Amino acid sequence: MPGFPGLLGADLTQMSRGDKVELLWTILRRKIHGLSFSPYLEGQSPGVEISEQQIRARLRIIEPYTRWIRSFSCREGNQQTPRIAHELGLKTMVGVGLSEELDTNEIELRNGIEVARAGHADILAVGNEVMLREDLSEDQLIDYIERAKAAVPGVPVGTVDAYFLFENHPRVAAACD
C-alpha cells in the first residue's frame, strides 16, 4: 500500500507504534482545534440529568488537549457545559438539539439562547443532522435558526448537518451565519 500523508503530512504507514505515540503526544501538547463533547458516562444516555461535577470532571480530561468543544444539547444539565468550558478557557460551539418533539425543541432553544446571552456560546448550532433525519421541515429549521439569530445578535448561529444537504437546501445555508 502506498504511503498516505493525510492531514498530518506524515506517512503513518511507515512509522513504528512508538513513533506514532510520540507524534500523537506532540500534537496533543500543541492542542487540537476542537472536539465533540459528551458528558455521559458508560450506561448513561440522553434522558439522564447530568451534574455540574460530572461535566467539569469530563471537561478537565480533554481541556489540556483542545481549544474548542462542540456540545449537542441544552437541557438535562447539558446547558451547564458551555459555562464550565469557558471557565476552563475553552471556546464553545453550543448545540441546540432539535427533533420531532416540538415542546422539547422549545426548551432546547430557550436554554441555548440563555447560554448565549450569558456569554458562554462562541457559536450557536441550532439542530444536529435535522435535515439528514428529516425531523423537521426546511421552514421549521429556518424558523428556529432565525429565532436564535434574532435573540442573540453578535453570536454566529447556524446548524450542523451532512455537507451535501446544504447544497440541496440553499435556504437553510443562507439562513446560517
N, C-alpha and C. Protein backbone atom coordinates (compact mmCIF):
# COMPACT_ATOMS: atom_id res chain seq x y z
N MET A 1 0.85 -1.18 0.00
CA MET A 1 0.00 0.00 0.00
C MET A 1 0.89 1.24 0.00
N PRO A 2 0.63 2.18 -0.90
CA PRO A 2 1.45 3.39 -0.94
C PRO A 2 1.24 4.23 0.31
N GLY A 3 2.25 5.02 0.66
CA GLY A 3 2.15 5.90 1.82
C GLY A 3 1.06 6.94 1.63
N PHE A 4 0.45 7.32 2.71
CA PHE A 4 -0.62 8.32 2.68
C PHE A 4 -0.32 9.37 3.73
N PRO A 5 -0.02 10.61 3.31
CA PRO A 5 0.37 11.61 4.29
C PRO A 5 -0.77 12.13 5.16
N GLY A 6 -1.99 12.11 4.67
CA GLY A 6 -3.12 12.58 5.47
C GLY A 6 -2.98 14.03 5.87
N LEU A 7 -3.75 14.43 6.85
CA LEU A 7 -3.75 15.80 7.32
C LEU A 7 -2.47 16.17 8.04
N LEU A 8 -1.77 15.19 8.57
CA LEU A 8 -0.56 15.46 9.34
C LEU A 8 0.64 15.74 8.46
N GLY A 9 0.57 15.34 7.19
CA GLY A 9 1.73 15.47 6.33
C GLY A 9 2.78 14.42 6.63
N ALA A 10 2.40 13.37 7.33
CA ALA A 10 3.32 12.29 7.68
C ALA A 10 2.75 10.97 7.20
N ASP A 11 3.62 10.10 6.72
CA ASP A 11 3.21 8.77 6.27
C ASP A 11 3.17 7.85 7.48
N LEU A 12 2.01 7.69 8.06
CA LEU A 12 1.86 6.89 9.27
C LEU A 12 2.09 5.41 9.01
N THR A 13 1.92 4.97 7.77
CA THR A 13 2.11 3.54 7.48
C THR A 13 3.56 3.12 7.64
N GLN A 14 4.48 4.07 7.57
CA GLN A 14 5.90 3.74 7.67
C GLN A 14 6.46 4.00 9.07
N MET A 15 5.61 4.39 10.01
CA MET A 15 6.07 4.72 11.36
C MET A 15 5.86 3.55 12.31
N SER A 16 6.77 3.41 13.25
CA SER A 16 6.61 2.40 14.30
C SER A 16 5.51 2.85 15.25
N ARG A 17 5.01 1.91 16.04
CA ARG A 17 3.98 2.25 17.03
C ARG A 17 4.51 3.32 17.99
N GLY A 18 5.73 3.18 18.44
CA GLY A 18 6.32 4.16 19.35
C GLY A 18 6.40 5.54 18.73
N ASP A 19 6.77 5.61 17.45
CA ASP A 19 6.83 6.91 16.77
C ASP A 19 5.44 7.52 16.62
N LYS A 20 4.44 6.67 16.37
CA LYS A 20 3.06 7.17 16.27
C LYS A 20 2.59 7.73 17.61
N VAL A 21 2.91 7.03 18.68
CA VAL A 21 2.52 7.50 20.01
C VAL A 21 3.19 8.84 20.31
N GLU A 22 4.47 8.95 20.00
CA GLU A 22 5.19 10.21 20.23
C GLU A 22 4.60 11.34 19.39
N LEU A 23 4.26 11.06 18.14
CA LEU A 23 3.63 12.06 17.28
C LEU A 23 2.29 12.50 17.87
N LEU A 24 1.51 11.54 18.34
CA LEU A 24 0.22 11.86 18.94
C LEU A 24 0.40 12.81 20.12
N TRP A 25 1.34 12.51 21.00
CA TRP A 25 1.54 13.36 22.18
C TRP A 25 2.07 14.73 21.78
N THR A 26 2.87 14.80 20.75
CA THR A 26 3.35 16.10 20.26
C THR A 26 2.17 16.94 19.79
N ILE A 27 1.28 16.33 19.04
CA ILE A 27 0.09 17.04 18.54
C ILE A 27 -0.80 17.47 19.70
N LEU A 28 -1.04 16.57 20.64
CA LEU A 28 -1.92 16.90 21.77
C LEU A 28 -1.34 18.00 22.64
N ARG A 29 -0.03 18.00 22.84
CA ARG A 29 0.59 19.07 23.64
C ARG A 29 0.41 20.43 22.98
N ARG A 30 0.36 20.46 21.66
CA ARG A 30 0.13 21.72 20.93
C ARG A 30 -1.34 22.09 20.91
N LYS A 31 -2.20 21.21 21.25
CA LYS A 31 -3.66 21.30 21.28
C LYS A 31 -4.25 21.17 19.87
N ILE A 32 -5.26 20.33 19.78
CA ILE A 32 -6.02 20.22 18.54
C ILE A 32 -7.09 21.30 18.54
N HIS A 33 -7.64 21.58 17.37
CA HIS A 33 -8.60 22.69 17.27
C HIS A 33 -9.83 22.46 18.13
N GLY A 34 -10.48 21.31 18.00
CA GLY A 34 -11.70 21.10 18.75
C GLY A 34 -12.14 19.65 18.78
N LEU A 35 -13.03 19.37 19.73
CA LEU A 35 -13.59 18.03 19.92
C LEU A 35 -15.10 18.13 20.13
N SER A 36 -15.82 17.14 19.64
CA SER A 36 -17.22 16.99 20.02
C SER A 36 -17.23 16.43 21.43
N PHE A 37 -18.04 17.02 22.29
CA PHE A 37 -18.01 16.68 23.71
C PHE A 37 -19.33 16.09 24.17
N SER A 38 -19.23 14.98 24.87
CA SER A 38 -20.38 14.37 25.53
C SER A 38 -20.02 14.12 26.98
N PRO A 39 -20.83 14.58 27.92
CA PRO A 39 -20.51 14.38 29.33
C PRO A 39 -20.93 13.02 29.88
N TYR A 40 -21.59 12.21 29.05
CA TYR A 40 -22.15 10.96 29.55
C TYR A 40 -21.07 9.95 29.90
N LEU A 41 -21.36 9.18 30.94
CA LEU A 41 -20.51 8.06 31.33
C LEU A 41 -21.13 6.77 30.81
N GLU A 42 -20.39 5.69 30.89
CA GLU A 42 -20.91 4.40 30.43
C GLU A 42 -22.23 4.09 31.13
N GLY A 43 -23.21 3.71 30.34
CA GLY A 43 -24.53 3.39 30.87
C GLY A 43 -25.48 4.58 30.91
N GLN A 44 -24.97 5.78 30.67
CA GLN A 44 -25.81 6.97 30.63
C GLN A 44 -26.13 7.32 29.18
N SER A 45 -27.24 8.00 29.00
CA SER A 45 -27.63 8.47 27.67
C SER A 45 -28.61 9.62 27.85
N PRO A 46 -28.97 10.30 26.77
CA PRO A 46 -29.96 11.36 26.91
C PRO A 46 -31.18 10.87 27.68
N GLY A 47 -31.69 11.74 28.53
CA GLY A 47 -32.77 11.37 29.44
C GLY A 47 -32.29 11.36 30.87
N VAL A 48 -30.96 11.29 31.05
CA VAL A 48 -30.33 11.31 32.36
C VAL A 48 -29.91 12.75 32.66
N GLU A 49 -30.23 13.25 33.84
CA GLU A 49 -29.79 14.59 34.25
C GLU A 49 -28.30 14.52 34.59
N ILE A 50 -27.52 15.40 33.98
CA ILE A 50 -26.07 15.41 34.16
C ILE A 50 -25.71 16.50 35.17
N SER A 51 -24.85 16.16 36.13
CA SER A 51 -24.46 17.12 37.16
C SER A 51 -23.31 18.01 36.69
N GLU A 52 -23.22 19.17 37.33
CA GLU A 52 -22.11 20.08 37.06
C GLU A 52 -20.78 19.39 37.36
N GLN A 53 -20.72 18.63 38.43
CA GLN A 53 -19.48 17.94 38.80
C GLN A 53 -19.04 16.96 37.72
N GLN A 54 -19.99 16.23 37.15
CA GLN A 54 -19.65 15.27 36.10
C GLN A 54 -19.15 15.99 34.85
N ILE A 55 -19.82 17.07 34.47
CA ILE A 55 -19.40 17.83 33.30
C ILE A 55 -17.99 18.38 33.51
N ARG A 56 -17.77 18.97 34.67
CA ARG A 56 -16.46 19.56 34.97
C ARG A 56 -15.36 18.48 34.93
N ALA A 57 -15.63 17.33 35.52
CA ALA A 57 -14.63 16.25 35.53
C ALA A 57 -14.32 15.78 34.12
N ARG A 58 -15.34 15.64 33.29
CA ARG A 58 -15.13 15.19 31.91
C ARG A 58 -14.38 16.24 31.09
N LEU A 59 -14.71 17.51 31.29
CA LEU A 59 -14.02 18.57 30.55
C LEU A 59 -12.56 18.69 30.97
N ARG A 60 -12.29 18.46 32.24
CA ARG A 60 -10.89 18.55 32.71
C ARG A 60 -10.01 17.50 32.03
N ILE A 61 -10.60 16.40 31.62
CA ILE A 61 -9.82 15.36 30.93
C ILE A 61 -9.32 15.87 29.58
N ILE A 62 -10.17 16.57 28.84
CA ILE A 62 -9.79 17.00 27.49
C ILE A 62 -9.23 18.41 27.41
N GLU A 63 -9.47 19.22 28.44
CA GLU A 63 -9.06 20.64 28.41
C GLU A 63 -7.60 20.85 28.05
N PRO A 64 -6.67 20.03 28.53
CA PRO A 64 -5.27 20.29 28.18
C PRO A 64 -4.95 20.07 26.70
N TYR A 65 -5.86 19.44 25.95
CA TYR A 65 -5.53 18.99 24.60
C TYR A 65 -6.33 19.63 23.48
N THR A 66 -7.26 20.53 23.81
CA THR A 66 -8.10 21.12 22.77
C THR A 66 -8.39 22.58 23.07
N ARG A 67 -8.80 23.31 22.04
CA ARG A 67 -9.14 24.72 22.20
C ARG A 67 -10.66 24.95 22.21
N TRP A 68 -11.39 24.10 21.53
CA TRP A 68 -12.84 24.24 21.37
C TRP A 68 -13.52 22.93 21.74
N ILE A 69 -14.79 23.06 22.16
CA ILE A 69 -15.66 21.89 22.26
C ILE A 69 -16.96 22.20 21.53
N ARG A 70 -17.58 21.14 21.07
CA ARG A 70 -18.91 21.23 20.48
C ARG A 70 -19.83 20.39 21.34
N SER A 71 -20.92 20.97 21.81
CA SER A 71 -21.91 20.22 22.58
C SER A 71 -23.13 19.95 21.70
N PHE A 72 -24.04 19.15 22.21
CA PHE A 72 -25.16 18.70 21.38
C PHE A 72 -26.54 19.02 21.94
N SER A 73 -26.60 19.47 23.19
CA SER A 73 -27.90 19.68 23.82
C SER A 73 -27.80 20.81 24.85
N CYS A 74 -28.94 21.42 25.11
CA CYS A 74 -29.04 22.48 26.12
C CYS A 74 -30.13 22.15 27.13
N ARG A 75 -30.22 20.90 27.52
CA ARG A 75 -31.17 20.52 28.57
C ARG A 75 -30.60 19.32 29.32
N GLU A 76 -31.30 18.91 30.37
CA GLU A 76 -30.89 17.77 31.20
C GLU A 76 -29.49 17.97 31.79
N GLY A 77 -29.18 19.22 32.11
CA GLY A 77 -27.88 19.55 32.69
C GLY A 77 -26.83 19.94 31.68
N ASN A 78 -27.02 19.54 30.43
CA ASN A 78 -26.04 19.85 29.38
C ASN A 78 -25.87 21.35 29.17
N GLN A 79 -26.87 22.15 29.52
CA GLN A 79 -26.76 23.59 29.34
C GLN A 79 -25.69 24.21 30.24
N GLN A 80 -25.18 23.46 31.21
CA GLN A 80 -24.08 23.94 32.06
C GLN A 80 -22.72 23.81 31.37
N THR A 81 -22.64 22.95 30.37
CA THR A 81 -21.36 22.65 29.72
C THR A 81 -20.66 23.89 29.19
N PRO A 82 -21.33 24.79 28.45
CA PRO A 82 -20.61 25.94 27.91
C PRO A 82 -20.00 26.85 28.98
N ARG A 83 -20.73 27.08 30.06
CA ARG A 83 -20.20 27.93 31.14
C ARG A 83 -18.95 27.30 31.74
N ILE A 84 -19.02 26.02 32.03
CA ILE A 84 -17.88 25.33 32.63
C ILE A 84 -16.71 25.32 31.66
N ALA A 85 -17.00 25.09 30.38
CA ALA A 85 -15.94 25.09 29.37
C ALA A 85 -15.25 26.45 29.32
N HIS A 86 -16.03 27.52 29.35
CA HIS A 86 -15.44 28.87 29.34
C HIS A 86 -14.60 29.10 30.59
N GLU A 87 -15.07 28.61 31.74
CA GLU A 87 -14.28 28.74 32.97
C GLU A 87 -12.93 28.05 32.83
N LEU A 88 -12.87 26.99 32.03
CA LEU A 88 -11.63 26.25 31.81
C LEU A 88 -10.84 26.79 30.62
N GLY A 89 -11.32 27.87 30.01
CA GLY A 89 -10.59 28.50 28.92
C GLY A 89 -10.87 27.94 27.55
N LEU A 90 -11.94 27.17 27.41
CA LEU A 90 -12.29 26.58 26.12
C LEU A 90 -13.34 27.43 25.40
N LYS A 91 -13.26 27.47 24.09
CA LYS A 91 -14.29 28.08 23.25
C LYS A 91 -15.39 27.04 23.04
N THR A 92 -16.60 27.52 22.71
CA THR A 92 -17.73 26.60 22.61
C THR A 92 -18.57 26.80 21.36
N MET A 93 -18.89 25.68 20.72
CA MET A 93 -19.96 25.64 19.73
C MET A 93 -21.10 24.92 20.46
N VAL A 94 -22.10 25.69 20.83
CA VAL A 94 -23.17 25.18 21.69
C VAL A 94 -24.28 24.60 20.83
N GLY A 95 -24.54 23.32 21.05
CA GLY A 95 -25.58 22.63 20.30
C GLY A 95 -26.95 22.80 20.93
N VAL A 96 -27.92 23.15 20.10
CA VAL A 96 -29.33 23.21 20.48
C VAL A 96 -29.97 22.01 19.79
N GLY A 97 -30.25 20.97 20.56
CA GLY A 97 -30.78 19.74 19.98
C GLY A 97 -32.22 19.92 19.51
N LEU A 98 -32.46 19.61 18.25
CA LEU A 98 -33.82 19.67 17.70
C LEU A 98 -34.23 18.28 17.24
N SER A 99 -35.52 18.01 17.35
CA SER A 99 -36.06 16.71 16.94
C SER A 99 -37.50 16.92 16.48
N GLU A 100 -38.23 15.84 16.35
CA GLU A 100 -39.65 15.92 16.01
C GLU A 100 -40.49 16.40 17.19
N GLU A 101 -39.92 16.39 18.40
CA GLU A 101 -40.63 16.77 19.62
C GLU A 101 -40.59 18.29 19.78
N LEU A 102 -41.63 18.95 19.33
CA LEU A 102 -41.64 20.41 19.28
C LEU A 102 -41.57 21.06 20.66
N ASP A 103 -42.21 20.46 21.67
CA ASP A 103 -42.13 21.02 23.03
C ASP A 103 -40.70 20.97 23.55
N THR A 104 -40.01 19.86 23.31
CA THR A 104 -38.62 19.73 23.73
C THR A 104 -37.74 20.72 22.97
N ASN A 105 -38.03 20.93 21.70
CA ASN A 105 -37.27 21.90 20.91
C ASN A 105 -37.34 23.29 21.52
N GLU A 106 -38.51 23.65 22.04
CA GLU A 106 -38.66 24.98 22.66
C GLU A 106 -37.78 25.10 23.91
N ILE A 107 -37.69 24.03 24.69
CA ILE A 107 -36.81 24.04 25.88
C ILE A 107 -35.36 24.18 25.44
N GLU A 108 -34.96 23.40 24.44
CA GLU A 108 -33.59 23.48 23.92
C GLU A 108 -33.27 24.89 23.44
N LEU A 109 -34.16 25.46 22.64
CA LEU A 109 -33.91 26.79 22.08
C LEU A 109 -33.84 27.84 23.18
N ARG A 110 -34.79 27.81 24.10
CA ARG A 110 -34.80 28.78 25.20
C ARG A 110 -33.50 28.69 26.00
N ASN A 111 -33.08 27.47 26.34
CA ASN A 111 -31.85 27.30 27.11
C ASN A 111 -30.62 27.72 26.31
N GLY A 112 -30.60 27.40 25.02
CA GLY A 112 -29.47 27.80 24.18
C GLY A 112 -29.34 29.32 24.10
N ILE A 113 -30.47 29.99 23.99
CA ILE A 113 -30.47 31.46 23.97
C ILE A 113 -29.97 32.00 25.30
N GLU A 114 -30.40 31.41 26.41
CA GLU A 114 -29.92 31.85 27.73
C GLU A 114 -28.41 31.68 27.85
N VAL A 115 -27.90 30.55 27.38
CA VAL A 115 -26.45 30.29 27.41
C VAL A 115 -25.72 31.36 26.60
N ALA A 116 -26.22 31.65 25.41
CA ALA A 116 -25.58 32.64 24.54
C ALA A 116 -25.65 34.04 25.15
N ARG A 117 -26.80 34.40 25.69
CA ARG A 117 -26.94 35.72 26.31
C ARG A 117 -26.02 35.88 27.52
N ALA A 118 -25.72 34.78 28.19
CA ALA A 118 -24.80 34.82 29.33
C ALA A 118 -23.34 34.91 28.89
N GLY A 119 -23.12 34.83 27.57
CA GLY A 119 -21.76 34.97 27.05
C GLY A 119 -20.97 33.69 26.96
N HIS A 120 -21.66 32.55 27.01
CA HIS A 120 -20.96 31.26 27.03
C HIS A 120 -21.01 30.51 25.71
N ALA A 121 -21.59 31.10 24.67
CA ALA A 121 -21.65 30.47 23.35
C ALA A 121 -20.82 31.30 22.37
N ASP A 122 -19.77 30.72 21.84
CA ASP A 122 -18.99 31.39 20.81
C ASP A 122 -19.66 31.21 19.45
N ILE A 123 -20.33 30.09 19.28
CA ILE A 123 -21.16 29.78 18.11
C ILE A 123 -22.36 29.00 18.64
N LEU A 124 -23.53 29.26 18.07
CA LEU A 124 -24.73 28.51 18.43
C LEU A 124 -25.13 27.64 17.25
N ALA A 125 -25.15 26.33 17.46
CA ALA A 125 -25.51 25.37 16.41
C ALA A 125 -26.93 24.87 16.69
N VAL A 126 -27.88 25.38 15.93
CA VAL A 126 -29.29 25.07 16.14
C VAL A 126 -29.66 23.87 15.28
N GLY A 127 -29.71 22.71 15.92
CA GLY A 127 -30.01 21.47 15.23
C GLY A 127 -28.77 20.70 14.86
N ASN A 128 -28.86 19.39 14.94
CA ASN A 128 -27.78 18.49 14.58
C ASN A 128 -28.34 17.38 13.69
N GLU A 129 -28.00 17.41 12.43
CA GLU A 129 -28.45 16.41 11.45
C GLU A 129 -29.98 16.33 11.35
N VAL A 130 -30.62 17.47 11.53
CA VAL A 130 -32.07 17.54 11.44
C VAL A 130 -32.54 17.25 10.02
N MET A 131 -31.82 17.78 9.03
CA MET A 131 -32.21 17.53 7.63
C MET A 131 -31.94 16.07 7.26
N LEU A 132 -30.82 15.53 7.72
CA LEU A 132 -30.47 14.15 7.41
C LEU A 132 -31.54 13.19 7.95
N ARG A 133 -31.99 13.43 9.17
CA ARG A 133 -33.00 12.56 9.79
C ARG A 133 -34.42 12.92 9.34
N GLU A 134 -34.56 14.08 8.68
CA GLU A 134 -35.88 14.57 8.25
C GLU A 134 -36.82 14.76 9.44
N ASP A 135 -36.27 15.29 10.55
CA ASP A 135 -37.07 15.53 11.75
C ASP A 135 -38.01 16.72 11.60
N LEU A 136 -37.56 17.73 10.86
CA LEU A 136 -38.33 18.96 10.70
C LEU A 136 -38.33 19.35 9.23
N SER A 137 -39.28 20.18 8.87
CA SER A 137 -39.28 20.72 7.51
C SER A 137 -38.19 21.78 7.40
N GLU A 138 -37.83 22.11 6.18
CA GLU A 138 -36.86 23.18 5.95
C GLU A 138 -37.34 24.48 6.60
N ASP A 139 -38.62 24.80 6.43
CA ASP A 139 -39.16 26.03 7.01
C ASP A 139 -39.08 26.03 8.53
N GLN A 140 -39.37 24.89 9.15
CA GLN A 140 -39.28 24.81 10.61
C GLN A 140 -37.84 25.04 11.08
N LEU A 141 -36.89 24.39 10.43
CA LEU A 141 -35.48 24.55 10.82
C LEU A 141 -35.05 26.00 10.65
N ILE A 142 -35.39 26.60 9.54
CA ILE A 142 -35.03 28.01 9.30
C ILE A 142 -35.66 28.90 10.37
N ASP A 143 -36.89 28.62 10.77
CA ASP A 143 -37.54 29.40 11.81
C ASP A 143 -36.76 29.34 13.12
N TYR A 144 -36.32 28.15 13.52
CA TYR A 144 -35.52 28.02 14.75
C TYR A 144 -34.21 28.81 14.63
N ILE A 145 -33.55 28.70 13.49
CA ILE A 145 -32.29 29.43 13.28
C ILE A 145 -32.53 30.93 13.36
N GLU A 146 -33.57 31.41 12.69
CA GLU A 146 -33.85 32.85 12.67
C GLU A 146 -34.26 33.36 14.04
N ARG A 147 -34.99 32.57 14.80
CA ARG A 147 -35.36 32.97 16.16
C ARG A 147 -34.11 33.10 17.03
N ALA A 148 -33.19 32.16 16.89
CA ALA A 148 -31.95 32.23 17.67
C ALA A 148 -31.14 33.46 17.27
N LYS A 149 -31.02 33.70 15.97
CA LYS A 149 -30.25 34.86 15.49
C LYS A 149 -30.84 36.17 16.02
N ALA A 150 -32.15 36.27 16.01
CA ALA A 150 -32.80 37.49 16.50
C ALA A 150 -32.59 37.68 18.00
N ALA A 151 -32.51 36.58 18.73
CA ALA A 151 -32.39 36.65 20.19
C ALA A 151 -30.97 36.92 20.66
N VAL A 152 -29.97 36.54 19.85
CA VAL A 152 -28.57 36.69 20.27
C VAL A 152 -27.73 37.32 19.17
N PRO A 153 -28.01 38.59 18.84
CA PRO A 153 -27.20 39.25 17.82
C PRO A 153 -25.75 39.30 18.29
N GLY A 154 -24.84 39.11 17.36
CA GLY A 154 -23.43 39.11 17.72
C GLY A 154 -22.86 37.73 17.95
N VAL A 155 -23.72 36.73 18.11
CA VAL A 155 -23.27 35.34 18.23
C VAL A 155 -23.57 34.66 16.91
N PRO A 156 -22.57 34.10 16.24
CA PRO A 156 -22.84 33.38 14.99
C PRO A 156 -23.78 32.20 15.25
N VAL A 157 -24.77 32.05 14.38
CA VAL A 157 -25.77 30.98 14.51
C VAL A 157 -25.83 30.21 13.20
N GLY A 158 -25.89 28.89 13.32
CA GLY A 158 -26.05 28.04 12.15
C GLY A 158 -26.65 26.72 12.56
N THR A 159 -26.49 25.73 11.72
CA THR A 159 -26.92 24.38 12.02
C THR A 159 -25.82 23.43 11.57
N VAL A 160 -25.87 22.21 12.06
CA VAL A 160 -24.87 21.20 11.71
C VAL A 160 -25.58 20.06 11.01
N ASP A 161 -25.08 19.70 9.82
CA ASP A 161 -25.72 18.61 9.08
C ASP A 161 -24.73 18.04 8.07
N ALA A 162 -25.12 17.01 7.39
CA ALA A 162 -24.30 16.43 6.33
C ALA A 162 -24.05 17.50 5.27
N TYR A 163 -22.79 17.63 4.86
CA TYR A 163 -22.40 18.74 3.99
C TYR A 163 -23.24 18.84 2.72
N PHE A 164 -23.57 17.71 2.11
CA PHE A 164 -24.27 17.74 0.82
C PHE A 164 -25.70 18.27 0.95
N LEU A 165 -26.25 18.20 2.15
CA LEU A 165 -27.62 18.68 2.33
C LEU A 165 -27.72 20.20 2.25
N PHE A 166 -26.62 20.90 2.50
CA PHE A 166 -26.64 22.35 2.37
C PHE A 166 -26.77 22.75 0.90
N GLU A 167 -26.22 21.94 -0.01
CA GLU A 167 -26.42 22.19 -1.44
C GLU A 167 -27.87 21.95 -1.83
N ASN A 168 -28.47 20.92 -1.24
CA ASN A 168 -29.86 20.59 -1.54
C ASN A 168 -30.85 21.54 -0.87
N HIS A 169 -30.39 22.26 0.15
CA HIS A 169 -31.26 23.17 0.90
C HIS A 169 -30.58 24.54 1.01
N PRO A 170 -30.48 25.26 -0.10
CA PRO A 170 -29.76 26.55 -0.09
C PRO A 170 -30.39 27.59 0.84
N ARG A 171 -31.68 27.49 1.09
CA ARG A 171 -32.32 28.44 2.01
C ARG A 171 -31.81 28.24 3.43
N VAL A 172 -31.57 26.98 3.81
CA VAL A 172 -31.00 26.71 5.14
C VAL A 172 -29.59 27.27 5.21
N ALA A 173 -28.80 27.01 4.17
CA ALA A 173 -27.43 27.53 4.14
C ALA A 173 -27.44 29.06 4.24
N ALA A 174 -28.35 29.71 3.54
CA ALA A 174 -28.42 31.17 3.56
C ALA A 174 -28.85 31.70 4.93
N ALA A 175 -29.62 30.92 5.67
CA ALA A 175 -30.07 31.36 6.99
C ALA A 175 -28.95 31.32 8.03
N CYS A 176 -27.91 30.54 7.75
CA CYS A 176 -26.79 30.39 8.69
C CYS A 176 -25.77 31.51 8.53
N ASP A 177 -25.17 31.89 9.65
CA ASP A 177 -24.08 32.88 9.60
C ASP A 177 -22.83 32.27 9.00
